[in-house]
C-alpha cells in the first residue's frame, strides 16, 4: 500500500509541475495539444478544454506538448498565433519557469501544512559533552537545558547551534539544571568538523551534542508562514549545493539516486504518518524544481538558456546548434537517469 501512495505522490508532484507549464502557456494564448503524466505508450486519456490529458506507461516524468514546440524534434515550429515559438522570448521563459515555480510553491504548501500541524524539533537539552572542550571547561553537564543565549530566549537546538556558529566572543547561557536556573559563560573555539557533504569545515564550537529530546512547536499564523518560507528556501539551497558538490566531485557519483530511491523513501515516510510524508514530498518537489532549472537543453533550464540567448543576441540560435545541443542534453539526462537506476539496483542488491 505504501508503494502505491508513493507512486501517487510522485505522479501528483509531476502533475503540478506540468500544470504550471500548462497554465502559463494558456495564459499567453498557446495551444496545448497534450498533457501527459509519464512517457511512452498511452494507457488512458480524455479530452478536456481542447487538450488531450493522458497517463502513459513509464512513470518517470511527464510533459506538456505545446503547438510549435517538441523536444523530440527541436526544429518543429509553427507560425500560427497560438504557437509557442511565435511568442516573445520573455513569454516563453515565463512558461518554462512556471513548472519549477509550481514545484517550489507546492513544497511551500506542504511545509505550511506541517507548520499548522505542529512540527517537531530537537529540544535544546545537552546530551554528550566532549572531553577537554570549552563546554566541559565552563561546567556544562549532560541533561542541562539551555533557556537563553546572551539574554535571547532559545526554543530549539537549531537556534542554539546557530548562536554558537555565528559567535566570536564569550556566550552567556541560562540553563535549567534539575529545576535550578544558572548562568554559565562559555567561549566557543574554532574547531574542524565535517559538514553534511563530508567536507572539513572550521567553525566555532563548544563541544556539546543534543540529547535527542523533541518538542512540538505551536506556531502562530505569522510563524507558520515564516516556517514554510524558511524550510522551502533552506531545502532549495541545500539541493543547489548538492548538485554543485556532485559536479565538482565532492559528492561521489554513487550517491546519485533515481526514481526507485524516490519511491522507496516516500513509501518509508508513509509509515511515520502524514507529517513525515508531507516533509519528504516537499523535498522531492523542491528536487524536481531545482533539477529542471539545470542548464541542460532537454530540461526547462536549457530552453531558458536558448531564450536568454535570443533576447541578448536579438536572434534565435541556429537550428543546427539547437539540434546538437538538445541531443547532447538528452544524452546527459539519460546518462544521469541510468546512473541513478544503476545505483538504486545496486543498493537493493546490497
Protein backbone atom coordinates (compact mmCIF):
# COMPACT_ATOMS: atom_id res chain seq x y z
CA UNK A 1 0.00 0.00 0.00
CA UNK A 2 2.83 2.41 0.86
CA UNK A 3 4.35 1.94 -2.61
CA UNK A 4 1.01 2.83 -4.22
CA UNK A 5 0.89 6.01 -2.10
CA UNK A 6 4.49 6.80 -3.09
CA UNK A 7 3.73 6.45 -6.80
CA UNK A 8 0.61 8.57 -6.35
CA UNK A 9 2.66 11.29 -4.60
CA UNK A 10 5.32 11.27 -7.33
CA UNK A 11 2.62 11.47 -10.03
CA UNK A 12 0.99 14.37 -8.18
CA UNK A 13 4.28 16.28 -7.99
CA UNK A 14 4.84 15.77 -11.72
CA UNK A 15 1.23 16.81 -12.39
CA UNK A 16 1.68 20.13 -10.57
CA UNK A 17 4.96 20.77 -12.41
CA UNK A 18 3.31 20.27 -15.78
CA UNK A 19 0.22 22.19 -14.63
CA UNK A 20 2.49 25.19 -14.11
CA UNK A 21 3.66 24.99 -17.73
CA UNK A 22 0.11 24.39 -18.92
CA UNK A 23 -1.38 27.33 -17.02
CA UNK A 24 1.29 29.79 -18.19
CA UNK A 25 1.01 28.56 -21.78
CA UNK A 26 -2.76 29.01 -21.79
CA UNK A 27 -2.36 32.45 -20.21
CA UNK A 28 -0.21 33.56 -23.15
CA UNK A 29 -2.58 32.00 -25.68
CA UNK A 30 -0.51 28.93 -26.57
CA UNK A 31 -2.45 25.89 -27.73
CA UNK A 32 -1.58 22.85 -25.57
CA UNK A 33 -2.02 19.65 -27.55
CA UNK A 34 -1.15 17.03 -24.91
CA UNK A 35 -0.81 16.99 -21.11
CA UNK A 36 0.83 13.70 -20.13
CA UNK A 37 1.83 12.12 -16.84
CA UNK A 38 4.52 9.62 -17.80
CA UNK A 39 6.22 8.81 -21.08
CA UNK A 40 5.79 6.15 -23.73
CA UNK A 41 2.63 4.30 -24.63
CA UNK A 42 -0.65 5.95 -23.66
CA UNK A 43 -2.60 3.96 -21.05
CA UNK A 44 -5.64 6.18 -20.52
CA UNK A 45 -6.76 9.57 -21.78
CA UNK A 46 -9.63 12.01 -22.10
CA UNK A 47 -10.11 15.31 -23.91
CA UNK A 48 -10.92 18.47 -21.98
CA UNK A 49 -10.50 22.17 -22.82
CA UNK A 50 -9.24 21.19 -26.29
CA UNK A 51 -6.28 19.26 -24.77
CA UNK A 52 -5.62 15.52 -24.60
CA UNK A 53 -5.00 14.61 -20.93
CA UNK A 54 -3.29 11.25 -20.64
CA UNK A 55 -1.44 8.79 -18.42
CA UNK A 56 1.47 6.99 -20.08
CA UNK A 57 3.24 3.72 -19.31
CA UNK A 58 6.62 4.94 -18.00
CA UNK A 59 6.11 6.94 -14.75
CA UNK A 60 9.47 8.75 -14.91
CA UNK A 61 8.16 12.25 -15.53
CA UNK A 62 5.66 13.99 -17.73
CA UNK A 63 5.32 16.62 -20.41
CA UNK A 64 3.12 19.31 -21.88
CA UNK A 65 3.20 19.29 -25.68
CA UNK A 66 2.60 22.81 -26.95
CA UNK A 67 1.93 23.74 -30.53
CA UNK A 68 5.20 24.67 -32.25
CA UNK A 69 7.41 23.10 -29.56
CA UNK A 70 8.58 19.50 -29.46
CA UNK A 71 11.62 18.23 -27.52
CA UNK A 72 11.83 15.13 -29.71
CA UNK A 73 12.16 17.40 -32.75
CA UNK A 74 13.94 20.67 -31.86
CA UNK A 75 13.29 22.06 -35.36
CA UNK A 76 9.50 21.66 -35.14
CA UNK A 77 7.80 25.03 -35.40
CA UNK A 78 4.57 26.75 -36.38
CA UNK A 79 3.86 30.33 -37.39
CA UNK A 80 0.28 30.33 -36.09
CA UNK A 81 -0.63 32.90 -33.43
CA UNK A 82 -1.35 30.16 -30.89
CA UNK A 83 2.10 28.55 -31.28
CA UNK A 84 4.78 28.50 -28.59
CA UNK A 85 7.58 29.52 -30.94
CA UNK A 86 5.89 32.79 -32.09
CA UNK A 87 5.69 34.10 -28.55
CA UNK A 88 8.28 36.61 -27.33
CA UNK A 89 11.34 35.15 -25.57
CA UNK A 90 10.33 36.58 -22.20
CA UNK A 91 6.90 34.96 -22.52
CA UNK A 92 8.49 31.60 -23.33
CA UNK A 93 10.80 31.98 -20.32
CA UNK A 94 7.81 32.54 -18.04
CA UNK A 95 6.12 29.42 -19.48
CA UNK A 96 9.31 27.44 -18.83
CA UNK A 97 9.80 28.84 -15.32
CA UNK A 98 6.18 28.14 -14.37
CA UNK A 99 6.85 24.40 -13.96
CA UNK A 100 9.71 24.63 -11.43
CA UNK A 101 7.96 27.52 -9.66
CA UNK A 102 4.87 25.32 -9.26
CA UNK A 103 7.08 22.74 -7.52
CA UNK A 104 8.52 25.35 -5.16
CA UNK A 105 5.01 26.62 -4.41
CA UNK A 106 3.76 23.09 -3.75
CA UNK A 107 6.70 22.45 -1.41
CA UNK A 108 5.81 25.65 0.46
CA UNK A 109 2.22 24.40 0.85
CA UNK A 110 3.48 21.08 2.26
CA UNK A 111 5.76 22.88 4.73
CA UNK A 112 2.93 25.24 5.70
CA UNK A 113 0.65 22.26 6.40
CA UNK A 114 3.40 20.80 8.59
CA UNK A 115 3.69 24.14 10.42
CA UNK A 116 -0.04 24.16 11.14
CA UNK A 117 0.11 20.57 12.39
CA UNK A 118 2.82 21.31 14.94
CA UNK A 119 6.25 20.36 13.58
CA UNK A 120 8.76 18.50 15.73
CA UNK A 121 12.14 19.97 16.65
CA UNK A 122 15.10 18.99 18.79
CA UNK A 123 14.92 20.43 22.29
CA UNK A 124 17.99 22.42 23.48
CA UNK A 125 18.85 19.75 26.04
CA UNK A 126 22.53 18.80 26.21
CA UNK A 127 23.41 15.15 25.70
CA UNK A 128 27.13 14.45 25.43
CA UNK A 129 29.81 16.93 26.50
CA UNK A 130 33.11 16.47 24.69
CA UNK A 131 36.14 15.90 26.94
CA UNK A 132 38.52 18.89 27.22
CA UNK A 133 36.08 21.08 25.30
CA UNK A 134 35.02 24.67 26.12
CA UNK A 135 31.71 23.27 27.35
CA UNK A 136 33.42 20.96 29.84
CA UNK A 137 35.73 23.74 30.99
CA UNK A 138 32.73 26.02 31.54
CA UNK A 139 30.96 23.40 33.64
CA UNK A 140 28.12 22.38 31.30
CA UNK A 141 26.70 18.93 32.10
CA UNK A 142 24.64 16.28 30.41
CA UNK A 143 20.94 17.00 30.94
CA UNK A 144 21.33 20.80 31.11
CA UNK A 145 18.56 22.59 29.20
CA UNK A 146 19.60 25.88 27.57
CA UNK A 147 16.94 28.55 28.07
CA UNK A 148 18.66 31.56 26.53
CA UNK A 149 21.87 32.79 24.92
CA UNK A 150 23.03 36.32 25.79
CA UNK A 151 19.52 37.06 27.03
CA UNK A 152 17.78 35.80 23.86
CA UNK A 153 15.29 33.01 24.53
CA UNK A 154 16.14 29.63 22.98
CA UNK A 155 13.40 27.18 21.98
CA UNK A 156 15.13 24.62 19.76
CA UNK A 157 18.56 23.05 19.41
CA UNK A 158 18.90 24.59 15.96
CA UNK A 159 18.60 28.09 17.43
CA UNK A 160 21.30 27.25 19.98
CA UNK A 161 23.54 25.86 17.23
CA UNK A 162 23.13 28.98 15.09
CA UNK A 163 24.09 31.21 18.02
CA UNK A 164 27.25 29.21 18.63
CA UNK A 165 28.31 29.01 14.98
CA UNK A 166 27.86 32.75 14.46
CA UNK A 167 29.62 33.78 17.69
CA UNK A 168 33.06 35.34 18.05
CA UNK A 169 33.01 36.15 21.77
CA UNK A 170 32.02 34.55 25.07
CA UNK A 171 28.40 33.45 25.30
CA UNK A 172 26.27 33.65 28.44
CA UNK A 173 23.95 30.66 28.65
CA UNK A 174 20.99 30.50 31.01
CA UNK A 175 20.44 26.81 31.78
CA UNK A 176 17.90 24.79 33.68
CA UNK A 177 19.72 22.17 35.79
CA UNK A 178 17.33 19.98 37.75
CA UNK A 179 14.89 22.88 38.15
CA UNK A 180 17.51 25.46 39.14
CA UNK A 181 18.41 28.30 36.76
CA UNK A 182 22.12 29.02 36.37
CA UNK A 183 24.21 31.41 34.27
CA UNK A 184 27.26 29.87 32.59
CA UNK A 185 29.78 31.64 30.38
CA UNK A 186 31.35 29.62 27.58
CA UNK A 187 33.78 30.73 24.87
CA UNK A 188 33.46 28.83 21.53
CA UNK A 189 36.64 27.50 19.95
CA UNK A 190 37.32 27.28 16.21
CA UNK A 191 37.20 23.54 15.56
CA UNK A 192 37.40 21.32 12.50
CA UNK A 193 34.35 19.18 11.73
CA UNK A 194 32.58 17.59 8.79
CA UNK A 195 29.53 19.10 7.11
CA UNK A 196 26.75 17.04 5.51
CA UNK A 197 28.86 16.71 2.35
CA UNK A 198 31.72 15.25 4.47
CA UNK A 199 33.88 18.29 3.78
CA UNK A 200 36.21 19.56 6.51
CA UNK A 201 34.99 22.93 7.77
CA UNK A 202 36.26 25.22 10.54
CA UNK A 203 33.69 26.93 12.71
CA UNK A 204 33.08 28.00 16.33
CA UNK A 205 32.02 25.07 18.53
CA UNK A 206 31.73 24.43 22.26
CA UNK A 207 31.69 20.62 22.28
CA UNK A 208 28.11 19.61 23.03
CA UNK A 209 25.62 17.26 21.33
CA UNK A 210 21.83 17.14 21.65
CA UNK A 211 20.18 14.66 23.97
CA UNK A 212 17.68 13.73 21.27
CA UNK A 213 14.61 15.02 23.10
CA UNK A 214 11.96 16.54 20.83
CA UNK A 215 9.26 19.12 21.31
CA UNK A 216 6.21 20.17 19.33
CA UNK A 217 6.25 23.73 18.02
CA UNK A 218 2.96 25.60 18.37
CA UNK A 219 3.32 28.25 15.70
CA UNK A 220 1.17 31.32 15.16
CA UNK A 221 -0.13 32.22 11.70
CA UNK A 222 2.84 34.53 11.03
CA UNK A 223 5.31 32.00 12.43
CA UNK A 224 3.81 29.27 10.22
CA UNK A 225 4.28 31.48 7.15
CA UNK A 226 7.88 32.11 8.11
CA UNK A 227 8.50 28.43 8.87
CA UNK A 228 7.20 27.36 5.43
CA UNK A 229 9.25 30.05 3.67
CA UNK A 230 12.44 29.24 5.61
CA UNK A 231 12.12 25.50 5.02
CA UNK A 232 11.45 25.97 1.29
CA UNK A 233 14.45 28.28 0.94
CA UNK A 234 16.76 26.07 3.04
CA UNK A 235 15.86 22.86 1.20
CA UNK A 236 16.20 24.58 -2.20
CA UNK A 237 19.64 25.94 -1.27
CA UNK A 238 20.71 22.53 0.01
CA UNK A 239 19.75 20.83 -3.25
CA UNK A 240 21.50 23.51 -5.34
CA UNK A 241 24.62 22.93 -3.20
CA UNK A 242 24.27 19.16 -3.61
CA UNK A 243 24.24 19.50 -7.40
CA UNK A 244 27.30 21.76 -7.24
CA UNK A 245 29.14 19.30 -4.97
CA UNK A 246 28.25 16.45 -7.33
CA UNK A 247 29.59 18.33 -10.36
CA UNK A 248 32.82 19.24 -8.56
CA UNK A 249 33.37 15.69 -7.33
CA UNK A 250 32.85 16.38 -3.62
CA UNK A 251 29.80 14.12 -3.63
CA UNK A 252 30.64 10.77 -5.31
CA UNK A 253 28.55 9.58 -8.27
CA UNK A 254 27.43 6.54 -6.25
CA UNK A 255 25.28 8.88 -4.15
CA UNK A 256 23.06 9.74 -7.13
CA UNK A 257 19.63 8.16 -6.76
CA UNK A 258 16.85 7.52 -9.24
CA UNK A 259 13.12 7.08 -9.28
CA UNK A 260 13.38 3.81 -7.30
CA UNK A 261 15.07 5.65 -4.41
CA UNK A 262 12.47 8.42 -4.56
CA UNK A 263 9.59 5.94 -4.42
CA UNK A 264 11.25 3.86 -1.69
CA UNK A 265 11.97 6.88 0.55
CA UNK A 266 8.43 8.19 0.07
CA UNK A 267 7.00 4.74 0.83
CA UNK A 268 9.08 4.54 4.02
CA UNK A 269 7.90 8.01 5.03
CA UNK A 270 4.25 6.93 4.93
CA UNK A 271 4.92 4.58 7.85
CA UNK A 272 5.65 7.57 10.10
CA UNK A 273 2.43 9.47 9.42
CA UNK A 274 1.21 12.29 7.24
CA UNK A 275 3.71 14.85 8.55
CA UNK A 276 6.68 12.74 7.53
CA UNK A 277 5.07 12.05 4.14
CA UNK A 278 4.46 15.78 3.60
CA UNK A 279 8.05 16.59 4.57
CA UNK A 280 9.61 14.18 2.07
CA UNK A 281 7.05 15.15 -0.59
CA UNK A 282 8.15 18.76 -0.13
CA UNK A 283 11.81 17.77 -0.53
CA UNK A 284 11.09 15.79 -3.69
CA UNK A 285 9.04 18.68 -5.08
CA UNK A 286 11.94 21.05 -4.48
CA UNK A 287 14.24 18.50 -6.12
CA UNK A 288 12.07 18.49 -9.24
CA UNK A 289 12.08 22.28 -9.32
CA UNK A 290 15.84 22.61 -8.91
CA UNK A 291 16.82 19.82 -11.30
CA UNK A 292 14.54 21.16 -14.04
CA UNK A 293 16.35 24.52 -13.81
CA UNK A 294 19.71 22.96 -14.68
CA UNK A 295 21.02 24.37 -17.99
CA UNK A 296 20.66 21.06 -19.83
CA UNK A 297 18.91 21.53 -23.21
CA UNK A 298 16.49 18.66 -22.58
CA UNK A 299 15.25 20.39 -19.40
CA UNK A 300 13.46 23.67 -18.72
CA UNK A 301 16.75 25.33 -17.78
CA UNK A 302 18.24 24.51 -21.17
CA UNK A 303 15.29 26.01 -23.03
CA UNK A 304 15.53 29.10 -20.83
CA UNK A 305 19.19 29.46 -21.89
CA UNK A 306 18.15 29.36 -25.57
CA UNK A 307 15.59 32.10 -24.98
CA UNK A 308 18.01 34.25 -22.98
CA UNK A 309 20.46 33.93 -25.89
CA UNK A 310 17.72 35.11 -28.26
CA UNK A 311 16.90 38.08 -26.01
CA UNK A 312 20.57 39.14 -25.83
CA UNK A 313 21.59 38.48 -29.44
CA UNK A 314 18.23 39.53 -30.93
CA UNK A 315 18.14 36.31 -32.92
CA UNK A 316 17.45 32.67 -32.16
CA UNK A 317 20.24 30.08 -32.19
CA UNK A 318 20.57 28.19 -35.46
CA UNK A 319 18.55 25.00 -35.91
CA UNK A 320 21.78 23.02 -36.16
CA UNK A 321 23.05 24.33 -32.82
CA UNK A 322 19.69 23.70 -31.12
CA UNK A 323 19.51 20.17 -32.53
CA UNK A 324 23.05 19.24 -31.49
CA UNK A 325 22.73 20.72 -28.00
CA UNK A 326 19.33 19.11 -27.47
CA UNK A 327 20.65 15.69 -28.50
CA UNK A 328 23.62 16.23 -26.18
CA UNK A 329 21.24 17.23 -23.42
CA UNK A 330 19.22 14.05 -23.83
CA UNK A 331 22.42 12.01 -23.72
CA UNK A 332 23.40 13.69 -20.43
CA UNK A 333 19.90 13.32 -18.99
CA UNK A 334 19.57 9.67 -19.96
CA UNK A 335 23.07 9.05 -18.60
CA UNK A 336 22.11 10.55 -15.24
CA UNK A 337 18.87 8.57 -15.16
CA UNK A 338 20.78 5.37 -15.97
CA UNK A 339 23.33 6.15 -13.25
CA UNK A 340 20.56 6.72 -10.73
CA UNK A 341 18.82 3.49 -11.71
CA UNK A 342 22.10 1.56 -11.53
CA UNK A 343 22.79 2.92 -8.04
CA UNK A 344 19.23 2.09 -6.98
CA UNK A 345 19.56 -1.51 -8.16
CA UNK A 346 22.98 -1.82 -6.51
CA UNK A 347 21.57 -0.61 -3.18
CA UNK A 348 18.66 -3.03 -3.40
CA UNK A 349 21.02 -5.94 -4.11
CA UNK A 350 23.17 -4.97 -1.13
